[in-house]
N, C-alpha and C. Protein backbone atom coordinates (compact mmCIF):
# COMPACT_ATOMS: atom_id res chain seq x y z
N MET A 1 57.48 38.42 20.43
CA MET A 1 58.33 39.47 20.55
C MET A 1 57.85 39.98 19.47
N VAL A 2 57.89 39.65 18.02
CA VAL A 2 57.43 40.83 16.48
C VAL A 2 56.50 42.00 16.92
N GLU A 3 54.93 41.26 17.40
CA GLU A 3 53.23 42.06 18.04
C GLU A 3 54.48 43.89 18.64
N LYS A 4 55.18 43.26 19.05
CA LYS A 4 56.27 44.17 20.53
C LYS A 4 56.50 45.58 19.69
N ASN A 5 57.39 44.92 18.77
CA ASN A 5 58.46 46.08 18.20
C ASN A 5 57.71 46.30 16.91
N ALA A 6 56.45 45.83 16.76
CA ALA A 6 55.14 46.59 15.58
C ALA A 6 54.55 47.72 16.00
N LEU A 7 54.69 46.87 17.96
CA LEU A 7 53.30 48.40 18.75
C LEU A 7 54.98 49.86 18.82
N CYS A 8 56.25 49.32 18.74
CA CYS A 8 56.94 49.93 19.55
C CYS A 8 57.47 51.57 18.02
N LYS A 9 57.32 51.18 17.18
CA LYS A 9 57.75 50.97 15.30
C LYS A 9 56.65 52.69 15.63
N ILE A 10 55.00 51.58 15.56
CA ILE A 10 54.11 52.99 15.56
C ILE A 10 54.44 53.49 16.75
N ARG A 11 54.71 53.39 17.93
CA ARG A 11 53.98 54.63 19.00
C ARG A 11 55.55 55.73 18.37
N LYS A 12 56.89 55.46 17.67
CA LYS A 12 57.59 55.83 18.35
C LYS A 12 57.33 56.98 16.78
N GLU A 13 56.67 56.28 15.26
CA GLU A 13 56.02 57.47 14.79
C GLU A 13 55.46 58.49 15.14
N MET A 14 54.70 57.89 15.96
CA MET A 14 53.35 58.77 16.53
C MET A 14 53.68 60.31 16.94
N GLU A 15 55.15 60.02 17.81
CA GLU A 15 55.34 60.65 18.91
C GLU A 15 55.94 62.17 17.79
N ALA A 16 56.36 61.37 16.30
CA ALA A 16 57.45 62.26 15.90
C ALA A 16 56.35 63.70 15.01
N CYS A 17 54.57 63.29 15.49
CA CYS A 17 53.64 63.57 15.01
C CYS A 17 53.16 64.59 15.18
N ILE A 18 53.57 64.59 16.68
CA ILE A 18 52.54 64.84 18.45
C ILE A 18 52.44 66.87 17.70
N GLY A 19 51.05 67.33 17.69
CA GLY A 19 50.76 68.34 17.81
C GLY A 19 50.77 68.52 15.81
N LYS A 20 50.71 67.64 15.56
CA LYS A 20 50.82 67.88 14.25
C LYS A 20 49.05 67.41 13.07
N ARG A 21 48.13 68.37 12.53
CA ARG A 21 46.84 66.92 12.19
C ARG A 21 47.12 65.91 10.94
N VAL A 22 46.24 65.10 11.79
CA VAL A 22 46.34 64.10 11.30
C VAL A 22 44.73 63.71 11.24
N GLN A 23 44.48 62.61 10.47
CA GLN A 23 43.24 62.18 9.54
C GLN A 23 42.96 60.49 9.51
N LEU A 24 41.93 60.85 10.28
CA LEU A 24 41.44 59.05 10.90
C LEU A 24 41.02 59.05 10.25
N LYS A 25 40.49 57.51 10.08
CA LYS A 25 39.62 56.36 9.15
C LYS A 25 39.18 55.13 10.08
N THR A 26 38.53 55.36 10.59
CA THR A 26 37.98 54.71 11.83
C THR A 26 36.72 53.43 11.15
N ASN A 27 37.97 51.79 11.60
CA ASN A 27 36.23 51.47 11.02
C ASN A 27 35.20 50.69 12.29
N LYS A 28 34.23 51.20 11.97
CA LYS A 28 33.68 50.97 13.19
C LYS A 28 32.04 49.51 13.09
N GLY A 29 32.77 48.63 11.83
CA GLY A 29 31.65 47.35 12.15
C GLY A 29 30.62 47.64 11.09
N ARG A 30 30.34 46.42 10.87
CA ARG A 30 29.33 46.81 10.00
C ARG A 30 29.32 47.85 9.12
N LYS A 31 30.92 47.54 7.73
CA LYS A 31 30.91 48.49 6.64
C LYS A 31 30.89 49.87 7.20
N LYS A 32 30.88 50.62 8.38
CA LYS A 32 30.20 51.28 8.73
C LYS A 32 31.93 52.45 8.13
N VAL A 33 31.89 53.45 7.40
CA VAL A 33 33.64 53.89 8.47
C VAL A 33 33.65 54.89 8.75
N GLN A 34 34.08 55.56 9.10
CA GLN A 34 34.24 57.31 9.97
C GLN A 34 35.65 57.21 9.50
N ILE A 35 35.10 58.99 8.87
CA ILE A 35 36.58 59.75 8.30
C ILE A 35 36.57 60.98 9.16
N ARG A 36 37.69 61.37 10.26
CA ARG A 36 37.91 62.92 10.76
C ARG A 36 38.87 63.27 10.96
N GLU A 37 39.61 64.52 11.31
CA GLU A 37 40.13 65.04 10.94
C GLU A 37 40.55 65.77 12.59
N GLY A 38 41.41 65.73 13.22
CA GLY A 38 42.29 66.45 14.64
C GLY A 38 43.82 66.80 14.46
N ILE A 39 43.90 66.77 15.82
CA ILE A 39 45.57 67.54 16.50
C ILE A 39 45.80 66.21 16.83
N LEU A 40 47.21 65.58 16.54
CA LEU A 40 47.46 64.62 17.29
C LEU A 40 47.91 64.90 18.80
N GLU A 41 47.88 64.63 19.06
CA GLU A 41 47.89 65.69 21.19
C GLU A 41 48.84 65.24 21.88
N SER A 42 48.99 63.54 22.22
CA SER A 42 50.29 63.28 23.02
C SER A 42 50.26 61.88 22.80
N THR A 43 51.39 61.01 23.70
CA THR A 43 50.62 59.36 23.18
C THR A 43 51.60 59.14 24.44
N TYR A 44 50.86 57.88 25.20
CA TYR A 44 51.37 57.03 26.63
C TYR A 44 51.39 55.62 25.70
N PRO A 45 52.00 54.77 27.37
CA PRO A 45 52.77 53.96 26.85
C PRO A 45 51.78 52.62 26.09
N SER A 46 50.70 52.88 25.91
CA SER A 46 49.75 51.61 25.31
C SER A 46 47.95 52.63 24.24
N ILE A 47 48.31 54.37 24.34
CA ILE A 47 47.32 54.93 24.06
C ILE A 47 47.52 56.49 22.74
N PHE A 48 47.29 56.77 21.89
CA PHE A 48 47.66 58.56 21.86
C PHE A 48 45.81 58.87 21.49
N THR A 49 46.25 60.55 22.12
CA THR A 49 45.11 61.24 22.16
C THR A 49 44.86 61.64 20.93
N VAL A 50 43.87 61.66 20.56
CA VAL A 50 43.78 62.78 19.19
C VAL A 50 42.50 63.68 19.14
N ARG A 51 42.48 64.67 18.52
CA ARG A 51 41.86 66.48 19.88
C ARG A 51 41.25 66.92 18.77
N PHE A 52 39.71 66.51 18.61
CA PHE A 52 38.56 66.53 17.22
C PHE A 52 38.04 68.43 17.86
N GLU A 53 37.78 68.94 16.40
CA GLU A 53 37.20 70.16 16.93
C GLU A 53 35.79 70.24 15.94
N ASN A 54 34.23 70.47 16.01
CA ASN A 54 33.11 70.53 14.72
C ASN A 54 33.15 71.66 14.45
N GLU A 55 32.13 72.03 13.99
CA GLU A 55 32.43 73.97 13.42
C GLU A 55 31.41 73.98 14.45
N PHE A 56 30.76 73.97 15.68
CA PHE A 56 30.61 74.94 16.91
C PHE A 56 32.02 74.92 18.32
N LYS A 57 33.13 74.61 17.74
CA LYS A 57 34.24 75.18 18.71
C LYS A 57 34.14 74.19 19.19
N ASN A 58 33.68 72.91 19.42
CA ASN A 58 33.76 72.15 20.74
C ASN A 58 34.85 71.26 20.49
N VAL A 59 35.48 70.77 21.64
CA VAL A 59 36.32 70.69 21.76
C VAL A 59 35.86 68.56 22.37
N ARG A 60 36.88 67.29 21.29
CA ARG A 60 36.49 66.97 22.22
C ARG A 60 37.97 65.52 21.88
N LYS A 61 38.15 65.12 23.46
CA LYS A 61 39.81 64.33 23.05
C LYS A 61 39.23 63.08 22.79
N VAL A 62 39.43 62.08 21.93
CA VAL A 62 39.02 60.74 21.62
C VAL A 62 41.27 60.13 21.19
N SER A 63 40.71 59.06 22.29
CA SER A 63 42.19 58.25 22.80
C SER A 63 42.08 56.75 22.16
N TYR A 64 43.33 56.05 20.77
CA TYR A 64 43.16 54.86 20.15
C TYR A 64 44.26 54.68 21.02
N SER A 65 44.52 53.07 21.17
CA SER A 65 44.58 52.18 20.81
C SER A 65 46.32 51.73 20.37
N TYR A 66 47.80 51.90 20.13
CA TYR A 66 48.09 51.44 18.70
C TYR A 66 48.07 50.95 18.16
N THR A 67 47.83 49.34 19.14
CA THR A 67 47.67 47.90 18.73
C THR A 67 45.58 48.19 17.16
N ASP A 68 45.16 49.51 17.52
CA ASP A 68 44.04 49.37 16.37
C ASP A 68 44.62 49.74 15.94
N VAL A 69 45.95 50.43 15.32
CA VAL A 69 46.25 50.79 13.77
C VAL A 69 47.36 49.53 13.68
N LEU A 70 47.87 48.57 14.36
CA LEU A 70 48.61 47.19 13.95
C LEU A 70 47.68 46.81 13.20
N THR A 71 46.12 46.81 13.48
CA THR A 71 45.01 45.17 13.22
C THR A 71 43.68 46.25 12.31
N ASN A 72 44.62 48.33 11.94
CA ASN A 72 43.40 48.33 10.73
C ASN A 72 42.31 48.37 11.20
N THR A 73 42.35 48.68 12.47
CA THR A 73 40.82 49.43 12.84
C THR A 73 40.87 51.25 12.54
N VAL A 74 42.23 51.01 12.67
CA VAL A 74 42.70 52.62 12.77
C VAL A 74 43.27 53.21 11.86
N GLU A 75 42.92 53.84 10.74
CA GLU A 75 43.82 54.43 9.92
C GLU A 75 44.56 55.98 9.92
N ILE A 76 46.00 56.43 10.32
CA ILE A 76 45.21 57.32 10.33
C ILE A 76 47.06 57.50 9.09
N LYS A 77 46.27 58.94 9.10
CA LYS A 77 47.18 59.93 8.21
C LYS A 77 47.91 60.87 8.46
N VAL A 78 49.46 62.06 8.38
CA VAL A 78 49.35 63.31 8.58
C VAL A 78 49.21 63.11 7.84
N CYS A 79 48.36 64.97 7.66
CA CYS A 79 47.40 66.30 6.25
C CYS A 79 49.14 66.48 6.35
N GLY A 80 48.53 66.83 4.63
CA GLY A 80 50.07 68.45 4.87
C GLY A 80 49.94 69.52 5.19
N SER A 81 50.66 70.08 5.12
CA SER A 81 50.92 71.63 5.79
C SER A 81 49.90 72.64 4.96
N LYS A 82 49.13 72.82 5.02
CA LYS A 82 48.28 73.87 5.14
C LYS A 82 48.35 75.60 4.93
């Protein structure tokens, strides 16, 4: 039950950040780390989605699970207002 409470807490924190710019640090395994910035778009019971744009204005939505955040596979940080 501890994990379930932790996941609910992570989800509530994510819901408060919808529409904000976030920085994601993703562990891709074998010492590969990817850092990207995007907009936290929405939250669902098991996942949240982030919208990324590149320099060519291509939009890509990526979903992550709250378990990824709990296990530190994905670290998320809200960017300061610009």
